[in-house]
C-alpha cells in the first residue's frame, strides 16, 4: 500500500515539476525545450552568437572574430539568458521531492 502511495506521489510531482521538456508532436521518444525570444532578429543573434562561441572554442583565439568586424563580438549576456531559460530548475526541485519520498 505504501508503494502505491509513493507511486501516486511521484506521478503528481512529475506533472507539477517536469516542465522543461515537452513531447515532440511528430516524433516518438523525442522532446522539445522552449527558448523565448523577442523576434526573428533576436533568434538570429542567439544562433550566430552560439556559432561564434563554438568557433572561438575550436580555435582558442578570442580576438580573431572581434578583430575582423566590430559587430562580430559575442553577446555573452544573450547567451546566458538562453542558458537560464533552458536550465531545468523545476526538475531539480522534483529530484529533491523524490529524495524526500525515498
PDB file of N, CA and C in Angstrom:
ATOM      1  N   UNK A   1       0.825  -1.194   0.000  1.00  0.00           N
ATOM      2  CA  UNK A   1       0.000   0.000   0.000  1.00  0.00           C
ATOM      3  C   UNK A   1       0.871   1.259   0.000  1.00  0.00           C
ATOM      4  N   UNK A   2       1.968   1.235   0.768  1.00  0.00           N
ATOM      5  CA  UNK A   2       2.868   2.380   0.833  1.00  0.00           C
ATOM      6  C   UNK A   2       3.524   2.646  -0.528  1.00  0.00           C
ATOM      7  N   UNK A   3       3.843   1.563  -1.273  1.00  0.00           N
ATOM      8  CA  UNK A   3       4.442   1.716  -2.597  1.00  0.00           C
ATOM      9  C   UNK A   3       3.470   2.372  -3.567  1.00  0.00           C
ATOM     10  N   UNK A   4       2.185   2.053  -3.456  1.00  0.00           N
ATOM     11  CA  UNK A   4       1.164   2.659  -4.318  1.00  0.00           C
ATOM     12  C   UNK A   4       1.062   4.150  -4.031  1.00  0.00           C
ATOM     13  N   UNK A   5       1.084   4.509  -2.751  1.00  0.00           N
ATOM     14  CA  UNK A   5       1.024   5.930  -2.388  1.00  0.00           C
ATOM     15  C   UNK A   5       2.243   6.670  -2.923  1.00  0.00           C
ATOM     16  N   UNK A   6       3.426   6.053  -2.790  1.00  0.00           N
ATOM     17  CA  UNK A   6       4.642   6.675  -3.320  1.00  0.00           C
ATOM     18  C   UNK A   6       4.550   6.859  -4.833  1.00  0.00           C
ATOM     19  N   UNK A   7       4.020   5.862  -5.531  1.00  0.00           N
ATOM     20  CA  UNK A   7       3.876   5.960  -6.975  1.00  0.00           C
ATOM     21  C   UNK A   7       2.912   7.083  -7.350  1.00  0.00           C
ATOM     22  N   UNK A   8       1.822   7.196  -6.623  1.00  0.00           N
ATOM     23  CA  UNK A   8       0.866   8.283  -6.862  1.00  0.00           C
ATOM     24  C   UNK A   8       1.510   9.640  -6.587  1.00  0.00           C
ATOM     25  N   UNK A   9       2.299   9.715  -5.523  1.00  0.00           N
ATOM     26  CA  UNK A   9       3.008  10.962  -5.204  1.00  0.00           C
ATOM     27  C   UNK A   9       4.000  11.325  -6.310  1.00  0.00           C
ATOM     28  N   UNK A  10       4.705  10.328  -6.808  1.00  0.00           N
ATOM     29  CA  UNK A  10       5.674  10.571  -7.875  1.00  0.00           C
ATOM     30  C   UNK A  10       4.970  11.054  -9.139  1.00  0.00           C
ATOM     31  N   UNK A  11       3.845  10.458  -9.481  1.00  0.00           N
ATOM     32  CA  UNK A  11       3.089  10.892 -10.664  1.00  0.00           C
ATOM     33  C   UNK A  11       2.629  12.335 -10.508  1.00  0.00           C
ATOM     34  N   UNK A  12       2.170  12.689  -9.313  1.00  0.00           N
ATOM     35  CA  UNK A  12       1.726  14.063  -9.053  1.00  0.00           C
ATOM     36  C   UNK A  12       2.900  15.034  -9.179  1.00  0.00           C
ATOM     37  N   UNK A  13       4.032  14.677  -8.583  1.00  0.00           N
ATOM     38  CA  UNK A  13       5.217  15.531  -8.650  1.00  0.00           C
ATOM     39  C   UNK A  13       5.730  15.667 -10.086  1.00  0.00           C
ATOM     40  N   UNK A  14       5.656  14.583 -10.840  1.00  0.00           N
ATOM     41  CA  UNK A  14       6.079  14.613 -12.236  1.00  0.00           C
ATOM     42  C   UNK A  14       5.276  15.635 -13.023  1.00  0.00           C
ATOM     43  N   UNK A  15       3.964  15.626 -12.834  1.00  0.00           N
ATOM     44  CA  UNK A  15       3.096  16.581 -13.525  1.00  0.00           C
ATOM     45  C   UNK A  15       3.402  18.008 -13.105  1.00  0.00           C
ATOM     46  N   UNK A  16       3.703  18.194 -11.835  1.00  0.00           N
ATOM     47  CA  UNK A  16       3.932  19.533 -11.296  1.00  0.00           C
ATOM     48  C   UNK A  16       5.299  20.114 -11.670  1.00  0.00           C
ATOM     49  N   UNK A  17       6.335  19.282 -11.703  1.00  0.00           N
ATOM     50  CA  UNK A  17       7.696  19.801 -11.820  1.00  0.00           C
ATOM     51  C   UNK A  17       8.419  19.529 -13.137  1.00  0.00           C
ATOM     52  N   UNK A  18       8.084  18.487 -13.855  1.00  0.00           N
ATOM     53  CA  UNK A  18       8.816  18.170 -15.087  1.00  0.00           C
ATOM     54  C   UNK A  18       8.225  18.953 -16.254  1.00  0.00           C
ATOM     55  N   UNK A  19       8.690  20.195 -16.418  1.00  0.00           N
ATOM     56  CA  UNK A  19       8.102  21.106 -17.398  1.00  0.00           C
ATOM     57  C   UNK A  19       9.051  21.556 -18.498  1.00  0.00           C
ATOM     58  N   UNK A  20      10.335  21.352 -18.343  1.00  0.00           N
ATOM     59  CA  UNK A  20      11.289  21.864 -19.321  1.00  0.00           C
ATOM     60  C   UNK A  20      11.166  21.152 -20.663  1.00  0.00           C
ATOM     61  N   UNK A  21      11.070  19.846 -20.644  1.00  0.00           N
ATOM     62  CA  UNK A  21      10.939  19.070 -21.875  1.00  0.00           C
ATOM     63  C   UNK A  21       9.480  18.747 -22.134  1.00  0.00           C
ATOM     64  N   UNK A  22       9.069  18.963 -23.386  1.00  0.00           N
ATOM     65  CA  UNK A  22       7.707  18.638 -23.799  1.00  0.00           C
ATOM     66  C   UNK A  22       7.805  17.619 -24.932  1.00  0.00           C
ATOM     67  N   UNK A  23       6.912  16.616 -24.963  1.00  0.00           N
ATOM     68  CA  UNK A  23       6.976  15.626 -26.045  1.00  0.00           C
ATOM     69  C   UNK A  23       6.835  16.293 -27.415  1.00  0.00           C
ATOM     70  N   UNK A  24       7.666  15.880 -28.353  1.00  0.00           N
ATOM     71  CA  UNK A  24       7.570  16.393 -29.726  1.00  0.00           C
ATOM     72  C   UNK A  24       6.305  15.840 -30.360  1.00  0.00           C
ATOM     73  N   UNK A  25       5.627  16.668 -31.129  1.00  0.00           N
ATOM     74  CA  UNK A  25       4.347  16.269 -31.709  1.00  0.00           C
ATOM     75  C   UNK A  25       4.492  15.192 -32.776  1.00  0.00           C
ATOM     76  N   UNK A  26       5.560  15.236 -33.539  1.00  0.00           N
ATOM     77  CA  UNK A  26       5.677  14.338 -34.684  1.00  0.00           C
ATOM     78  C   UNK A  26       6.745  13.254 -34.551  1.00  0.00           C
ATOM     79  N   UNK A  27       7.410  13.174 -33.410  1.00  0.00           N
ATOM     80  CA  UNK A  27       8.447  12.161 -33.229  1.00  0.00           C
ATOM     81  C   UNK A  27       8.290  11.453 -31.892  1.00  0.00           C
ATOM     82  N   UNK A  28       8.280  10.142 -31.946  1.00  0.00           N
ATOM     83  CA  UNK A  28       8.188   9.345 -30.729  1.00  0.00           C
ATOM     84  C   UNK A  28       9.539   9.368 -30.008  1.00  0.00           C
ATOM     85  N   UNK A  29       9.499   9.364 -28.695  1.00  0.00           N
ATOM     86  CA  UNK A  29      10.704   9.363 -27.859  1.00  0.00           C
ATOM     87  C   UNK A  29      11.614  10.557 -28.139  1.00  0.00           C
ATOM     88  N   UNK A  30      11.018  11.685 -28.492  1.00  0.00           N
ATOM     89  CA  UNK A  30      11.770  12.905 -28.745  1.00  0.00           C
ATOM     90  C   UNK A  30      11.067  14.057 -28.030  1.00  0.00           C
ATOM     91  N   UNK A  31      11.848  14.990 -27.509  1.00  0.00           N
ATOM     92  CA  UNK A  31      11.287  16.094 -26.732  1.00  0.00           C
ATOM     93  C   UNK A  31      11.787  17.427 -27.265  1.00  0.00           C
ATOM     94  N   UNK A  32      11.078  18.490 -26.904  1.00  0.00           N
ATOM     95  CA  UNK A  32      11.497  19.839 -27.267  1.00  0.00           C
ATOM     96  C   UNK A  32      11.663  20.671 -25.999  1.00  0.00           C
ATOM     97  N   UNK A  33      12.561  21.640 -26.073  1.00  0.00           N
ATOM     98  CA  UNK A  33      12.735  22.621 -25.000  1.00  0.00           C
ATOM     99  C   UNK A  33      12.514  23.995 -25.626  1.00  0.00           C
ATOM    100  N   UNK A  34      11.786  24.847 -24.947  1.00  0.00           N
ATOM    101  CA  UNK A  34      11.415  26.149 -25.498  1.00  0.00           C
ATOM    102  C   UNK A  34      12.412  27.231 -25.097  1.00  0.00           C
ATOM    103  N   UNK A  35      12.770  28.055 -26.064  1.00  0.00           N
ATOM    104  CA  UNK A  35      13.591  29.237 -25.816  1.00  0.00           C
ATOM    105  C   UNK A  35      12.768  30.433 -26.272  1.00  0.00           C
ATOM    106  N   UNK A  36      12.537  31.383 -25.369  1.00  0.00           N
ATOM    107  CA  UNK A  36      11.737  32.559 -25.708  1.00  0.00           C
ATOM    108  C   UNK A  36      12.633  33.663 -26.244  1.00  0.00           C
ATOM    109  N   UNK A  37      12.248  34.219 -27.382  1.00  0.00           N
ATOM    110  CA  UNK A  37      12.964  35.337 -27.987  1.00  0.00           C
ATOM    111  C   UNK A  37      11.963  36.428 -28.336  1.00  0.00           C
ATOM    112  N   UNK A  38      12.458  37.649 -28.469  1.00  0.00           N
ATOM    113  CA  UNK A  38      11.592  38.784 -28.783  1.00  0.00           C
ATOM    114  C   UNK A  38      11.097  38.755 -30.221  1.00  0.00           C
ATOM    115  N   UNK A  39      11.991  38.370 -31.146  1.00  0.00           N
ATOM    116  CA  UNK A  39      11.635  38.382 -32.563  1.00  0.00           C
ATOM    117  C   UNK A  39      12.662  37.564 -33.346  1.00  0.00           C
ATOM    118  N   UNK A  40      12.503  37.537 -34.669  1.00  0.00           N
ATOM    119  CA  UNK A  40      13.428  36.779 -35.505  1.00  0.00           C
ATOM    120  C   UNK A  40      14.858  37.305 -35.405  1.00  0.00           C
ATOM    121  N   UNK A  41      15.006  38.607 -35.254  1.00  0.00           N
ATOM    122  CA  UNK A  41      16.346  39.180 -35.146  1.00  0.00           C
ATOM    123  C   UNK A  41      17.070  38.643 -33.909  1.00  0.00           C
ATOM    124  N   UNK A  42      16.362  38.609 -32.774  1.00  0.00           N
ATOM    125  CA  UNK A  42      16.996  38.086 -31.560  1.00  0.00           C
ATOM    126  C   UNK A  42      17.320  36.605 -31.722  1.00  0.00           C
ATOM    127  N   UNK A  43      16.445  35.849 -32.365  1.00  0.00           N
ATOM    128  CA  UNK A  43      16.732  34.438 -32.634  1.00  0.00           C
ATOM    129  C   UNK A  43      17.995  34.312 -33.479  1.00  0.00           C
ATOM    130  N   UNK A  44      18.106  35.162 -34.496  1.00  0.00           N
ATOM    131  CA  UNK A  44      19.310  35.159 -35.321  1.00  0.00           C
ATOM    132  C   UNK A  44      20.550  35.485 -34.513  1.00  0.00           C
ATOM    133  N   UNK A  45      20.430  36.448 -33.600  1.00  0.00           N
ATOM    134  CA  UNK A  45      21.558  36.810 -32.729  1.00  0.00           C
ATOM    135  C   UNK A  45      21.957  35.644 -31.836  1.00  0.00           C
ATOM    136  N   UNK A  46      20.981  34.942 -31.299  1.00  0.00           N
ATOM    137  CA  UNK A  46      21.267  33.783 -30.448  1.00  0.00           C
ATOM    138  C   UNK A  46      22.042  32.742 -31.243  1.00  0.00           C
ATOM    139  N   UNK A  47      21.550  32.434 -32.429  1.00  0.00           N
ATOM    140  CA  UNK A  47      22.196  31.404 -33.249  1.00  0.00           C
ATOM    141  C   UNK A  47      23.605  31.824 -33.653  1.00  0.00           C
ATOM    142  N   UNK A  48      23.774  33.062 -34.128  1.00  0.00           N
ATOM    143  CA  UNK A  48      25.107  33.493 -34.564  1.00  0.00           C
ATOM    144  C   UNK A  48      26.079  33.583 -33.392  1.00  0.00           C
ATOM    145  N   UNK A  49      25.596  34.006 -32.235  1.00  0.00           N
ATOM    146  CA  UNK A  49      26.473  34.066 -31.059  1.00  0.00           C
ATOM    147  C   UNK A  49      26.908  32.672 -30.624  1.00  0.00           C
ATOM    148  N   UNK A  50      26.021  31.699 -30.715  1.00  0.00           N
ATOM    149  CA  UNK A  50      26.396  30.322 -30.388  1.00  0.00           C
ATOM    150  C   UNK A  50      27.457  29.816 -31.360  1.00  0.00           C
ATOM    151  N   UNK A  51      27.267  30.116 -32.641  1.00  0.00           N
ATOM    152  CA  UNK A  51      28.253  29.700 -33.635  1.00  0.00           C
ATOM    153  C   UNK A  51      29.608  30.361 -33.385  1.00  0.00           C
ATOM    154  N   UNK A  52      29.608  31.646 -33.093  1.00  0.00           N
ATOM    155  CA  UNK A  52      30.858  32.362 -32.809  1.00  0.00           C
ATOM    156  C   UNK A  52      31.560  31.777 -31.593  1.00  0.00           C
ATOM    157  N   UNK A  53      30.779  31.458 -30.570  1.00  0.00           N
ATOM    158  CA  UNK A  53      31.354  30.882 -29.361  1.00  0.00           C
ATOM    159  C   UNK A  53      32.006  29.536 -29.662  1.00  0.00           C
ATOM    160  N   UNK A  54      31.364  28.742 -30.497  1.00  0.00           N
ATOM    161  CA  UNK A  54      31.934  27.455 -30.890  1.00  0.00           C
ATOM    162  C   UNK A  54      33.216  27.644 -31.695  1.00  0.00           C
ATOM    163  N   UNK A  55      33.215  28.626 -32.598  1.00  0.00           N
ATOM    164  CA  UNK A  55      34.420  28.913 -33.388  1.00  0.00           C
ATOM    165  C   UNK A  55      35.575  29.286 -32.464  1.00  0.00           C
ATOM    166  N   UNK A  56      35.304  30.164 -31.507  1.00  0.00           N
ATOM    167  CA  UNK A  56      36.360  30.568 -30.567  1.00  0.00           C
ATOM    168  C   UNK A  56      36.873  29.382 -29.764  1.00  0.00           C
ATOM    169  N   UNK A  57      35.960  28.534 -29.340  1.00  0.00           N
ATOM    170  CA  UNK A  57      36.371  27.367 -28.554  1.00  0.00           C
ATOM    171  C   UNK A  57      37.256  26.442 -29.383  1.00  0.00           C
ATOM    172  N   UNK A  58      36.930  26.311 -30.650  1.00  0.00           N
ATOM    173  CA  UNK A  58      37.725  25.442 -31.519  1.00  0.00           C
ATOM    174  C   UNK A  58      39.086  26.045 -31.857  1.00  0.00           C
ATOM    175  N   UNK A  59      39.125  27.342 -32.032  1.00  0.00           N
ATOM    176  CA  UNK A  59      40.368  27.988 -32.460  1.00  0.00           C
ATOM    177  C   UNK A  59      41.222  28.499 -31.309  1.00  0.00           C
ATOM    178  N   UNK A  60      40.661  28.638 -30.137  1.00  0.00           N
ATOM    179  CA  UNK A  60      41.381  29.141 -28.962  1.00  0.00           C
ATOM    180  C   UNK A  60      41.985  30.525 -29.187  1.00  0.00           C
ATOM    181  N   UNK A  61      41.315  31.334 -29.999  1.00  0.00           N
ATOM    182  CA  UNK A  61      41.806  32.685 -30.258  1.00  0.00           C
ATOM    183  C   UNK A  61      40.655  33.662 -30.072  1.00  0.00           C
ATOM    184  N   UNK A  62      40.498  34.193 -28.882  1.00  0.00           N
ATOM    185  CA  UNK A  62      39.379  35.073 -28.572  1.00  0.00           C
ATOM    186  C   UNK A  62      39.324  36.312 -29.447  1.00  0.00           C
ATOM    187  N   UNK A  63      40.446  36.851 -29.807  1.00  0.00           N
ATOM    188  CA  UNK A  63      40.476  38.115 -30.538  1.00  0.00           C
ATOM    189  C   UNK A  63      40.164  37.968 -32.021  1.00  0.00           C
ATOM    190  N   UNK A  64      40.200  36.790 -32.567  1.00  0.00           N
ATOM    191  CA  UNK A  64      40.118  36.603 -34.011  1.00  0.00           C
ATOM    192  C   UNK A  64      38.817  37.143 -34.610  1.00  0.00           C
ATOM    193  N   UNK A  65      37.671  36.820 -34.034  1.00  0.00           N
ATOM    194  CA  UNK A  65      36.401  37.278 -34.595  1.00  0.00           C
ATOM    195  C   UNK A  65      36.234  38.778 -34.407  1.00  0.00           C
ATOM    196  N   UNK A  66      36.466  39.271 -33.202  1.00  0.00           N
ATOM    197  CA  UNK A  66      36.214  40.685 -32.926  1.00  0.00           C
ATOM    198  C   UNK A  66      37.167  41.617 -33.673  1.00  0.00           C
ATOM    199  N   UNK A  67      38.332  41.137 -34.092  1.00  0.00           N
ATOM    200  CA  UNK A  67      39.261  41.976 -34.846  1.00  0.00           C
ATOM    201  C   UNK A  67      38.785  42.221 -36.268  1.00  0.00           C
ATOM    202  N   UNK A  68      38.078  41.270 -36.847  1.00  0.00           N
ATOM    203  CA  UNK A  68      37.671  41.417 -38.242  1.00  0.00           C
ATOM    204  C   UNK A  68      36.566  42.447 -38.404  1.00  0.00           C
ATOM    205  N   UNK A  69      35.572  42.426 -37.530  1.00  0.00           N
ATOM    206  CA  UNK A  69      34.475  43.398 -37.581  1.00  0.00           C
ATOM    207  C   UNK A  69      33.971  43.633 -36.166  1.00  0.00           C
ATOM    208  N   UNK A  70      33.699  44.875 -35.855  1.00  0.00           N
ATOM    209  CA  UNK A  70      33.240  45.217 -34.504  1.00  0.00           C
ATOM    210  C   UNK A  70      31.886  44.586 -34.188  1.00  0.00           C
ATOM    211  N   UNK A  71      31.014  44.421 -35.207  1.00  0.00           N
ATOM    212  CA  UNK A  71      29.688  43.843 -34.959  1.00  0.00           C
ATOM    213  C   UNK A  71      29.736  42.329 -34.817  1.00  0.00           C
ATOM    214  N   UNK A  72      30.924  41.753 -34.845  1.00  0.00           N
ATOM    215  CA  UNK A  72      31.084  40.311 -34.708  1.00  0.00           C
ATOM    216  C   UNK A  72      31.323  39.875 -33.262  1.00  0.00           C
ATOM    217  N   UNK A  73      31.327  40.822 -32.333  1.00  0.00           N
ATOM    218  CA  UNK A  73      31.583  40.447 -30.942  1.00  0.00           C
ATOM    219  C   UNK A  73      30.449  39.568 -30.417  1.00  0.00           C
ATOM    220  N   UNK A  74      30.765  38.748 -29.455  1.00  0.00           N
ATOM    221  CA  UNK A  74      29.794  37.799 -28.897  1.00  0.00           C
ATOM    222  C   UNK A  74      29.015  38.462 -27.778  1.00  0.00           C
ATOM    223  N   UNK A  75      27.711  38.361 -27.850  1.00  0.00           N
ATOM    224  CA  UNK A  75      26.829  38.911 -26.824  1.00  0.00           C
ATOM    225  C   UNK A  75      26.681  37.862 -25.717  1.00  0.00           C
ATOM    226  N   UNK A  76      27.576  37.904 -24.757  1.00  0.00           N
ATOM    227  CA  UNK A  76      27.605  36.915 -23.677  1.00  0.00           C
ATOM    228  C   UNK A  76      26.328  36.981 -22.843  1.00  0.00           C
ATOM    229  N   UNK A  77      25.796  38.179 -22.602  1.00  0.00           N
ATOM    230  CA  UNK A  77      24.564  38.320 -21.816  1.00  0.00           C
ATOM    231  C   UNK A  77      23.413  37.579 -22.482  1.00  0.00           C
ATOM    232  N   UNK A  78      23.314  37.679 -23.797  1.00  0.00           N
ATOM    233  CA  UNK A  78      22.254  36.976 -24.523  1.00  0.00           C
ATOM    234  C   UNK A  78      22.408  35.468 -24.385  1.00  0.00           C
ATOM    235  N   UNK A  79      23.651  34.985 -24.476  1.00  0.00           N
ATOM    236  CA  UNK A  79      23.895  33.551 -24.325  1.00  0.00           C
ATOM    237  C   UNK A  79      23.512  33.074 -22.924  1.00  0.00           C
ATOM    238  N   UNK A  80      23.838  33.862 -21.911  1.00  0.00           N
ATOM    239  CA  UNK A  80      23.499  33.488 -20.535  1.00  0.00           C
ATOM    240  C   UNK A  80      21.991  33.501 -20.316  1.00  0.00           C
ATOM    241  N   UNK A  81      21.275  34.422 -20.955  1.00  0.00           N
ATOM    242  CA  UNK A  81      19.815  34.443 -20.855  1.00  0.00           C
ATOM    243  C   UNK A  81      19.217  33.165 -21.426  1.00  0.00           C
ATOM    244  N   UNK A  82      19.747  32.699 -22.551  1.00  0.00           N
ATOM    245  CA  UNK A  82      19.260  31.455 -23.155  1.00  0.00           C
ATOM    246  C   UNK A  82      19.546  30.277 -22.238  1.00  0.00           C
ATOM    247  N   UNK A  83      20.744  30.241 -21.673  1.00  0.00           N
ATOM    248  CA  UNK A  83      21.088  29.155 -20.745  1.00  0.00           C
ATOM    249  C   UNK A  83      20.130  29.149 -19.557  1.00  0.00           C
ATOM    250  N   UNK A  84      19.804  30.322 -19.018  1.00  0.00           N
ATOM    251  CA  UNK A  84      18.855  30.397 -17.902  1.00  0.00           C
ATOM    252  C   UNK A  84      17.487  29.861 -18.288  1.00  0.00           C
ATOM    253  N   UNK A  85      17.042  30.148 -19.512  1.00  0.00           N
ATOM    254  CA  UNK A  85      15.750  29.638 -19.965  1.00  0.00           C
ATOM    255  C   UNK A  85      15.759  28.121 -20.066  1.00  0.00           C
ATOM    256  N   UNK A  86      16.888  27.559 -20.445  1.00  0.00           N
ATOM    257  CA  UNK A  86      16.987  26.112 -20.625  1.00  0.00           C
ATOM    258  C   UNK A  86      17.297  25.366 -19.331  1.00  0.00           C
ATOM    259  N   UNK A  87      17.742  26.080 -18.309  1.00  0.00           N
ATOM    260  CA  UNK A  87      18.121  25.436 -17.050  1.00  0.00           C
ATOM    261  C   UNK A  87      16.888  24.826 -16.383  1.00  0.00           C
ATOM    262  N   UNK A  88      16.898  23.532 -16.139  1.00  0.00           N
ATOM    263  CA  UNK A  88      15.705  22.835 -15.632  1.00  0.00           C
ATOM    264  C   UNK A  88      15.543  22.920 -14.110  1.00  0.00           C
ATOM    265  N   UNK A  89      15.310  24.109 -13.588  1.00  0.00           N
ATOM    266  CA  UNK A  89      15.186  24.296 -12.145  1.00  0.00           C
ATOM    267  C   UNK A  89      14.024  23.491 -11.561  1.00  0.00           C
ATOM    268  N   UNK A  90      12.889  23.446 -12.262  1.00  0.00           N
ATOM    269  CA  UNK A  90      11.754  22.651 -11.779  1.00  0.00           C
ATOM    270  C   UNK A  90      12.132  21.186 -11.622  1.00  0.00           C
ATOM    271  N   UNK A  91      12.940  20.683 -12.554  1.00  0.00           N
ATOM    272  CA  UNK A  91      13.342  19.290 -12.485  1.00  0.00           C
ATOM    273  C   UNK A  91      14.253  19.029 -11.286  1.00  0.00           C
ATOM    274  N   UNK A  92      15.081  19.989 -10.940  1.00  0.00           N
ATOM    275  CA  UNK A  92      15.917  19.835  -9.749  1.00  0.00           C
ATOM    276  C   UNK A  92      15.062  19.825  -8.483  1.00  0.00           C
ATOM    277  N   UNK A  93      14.043  20.653  -8.460  1.00  0.00           N
ATOM    278  CA  UNK A  93      13.117  20.652  -7.326  1.00  0.00           C
ATOM    279  C   UNK A  93      12.396  19.304  -7.241  1.00  0.00           C
ATOM    280  N   UNK A  94      12.032  18.765  -8.395  1.00  0.00           N
ATOM    281  CA  UNK A  94      11.399  17.446  -8.457  1.00  0.00           C
ATOM    282  C   UNK A  94      12.306  16.386  -7.834  1.00  0.00           C
ATOM    283  N   UNK A  95      13.578  16.415  -8.184  1.00  0.00           N
ATOM    284  CA  UNK A  95      14.517  15.440  -7.626  1.00  0.00           C
ATOM    285  C   UNK A  95      14.610  15.559  -6.110  1.00  0.00           C
ATOM    286  N   UNK A  96      14.550  16.773  -5.598  1.00  0.00           N
ATOM    287  CA  UNK A  96      14.560  16.965  -4.145  1.00  0.00           C
ATOM    288  C   UNK A  96      13.320  16.352  -3.507  1.00  0.00           C
ATOM    289  N   UNK A  97      12.178  16.546  -4.156  1.00  0.00           N
ATOM    290  CA  UNK A  97      10.926  15.978  -3.636  1.00  0.00           C
ATOM    291  C   UNK A  97      10.971  14.447  -3.663  1.00  0.00           C
ATOM    292  N   UNK A  98      11.493  13.873  -4.727  1.00  0.00           N
ATOM    293  CA  UNK A  98      11.617  12.413  -4.832  1.00  0.00           C
ATOM    294  C   UNK A  98      12.535  11.888  -3.741  1.00  0.00           C
ATOM    295  N   UNK A  99      13.632  12.582  -3.500  1.00  0.00           N
ATOM    296  CA  UNK A  99      14.572  12.160  -2.450  1.00  0.00           C
ATOM    297  C   UNK A  99      13.884  12.087  -1.096  1.00  0.00           C
ATOM    298  N   UNK A 100      12.985  13.036  -0.825  1.00  0.00           N
ATOM    299  CA  UNK A 100      12.265  13.029   0.451  1.00  0.00           C
ATOM    300  C   UNK A 100      11.304  11.847   0.549  1.00  0.00           C
ATOM    301  N   UNK A 101      10.776  11.393  -0.585  1.00  0.00           N
ATOM    302  CA  UNK A 101       9.852  10.256  -0.578  1.00  0.00           C
ATOM    303  C   UNK A 101      10.563   8.940  -0.309  1.00  0.00           C
ATOM    304  N   UNK A 102      11.811   8.858  -0.727  1.00  0.00           N
ATOM    305  CA  UNK A 102      12.547   7.594  -0.639  1.00  0.00           C
ATOM    306  C   UNK A 102      13.116   7.366   0.725  1.00  0.00           C
TER     307      UNK A 102
END
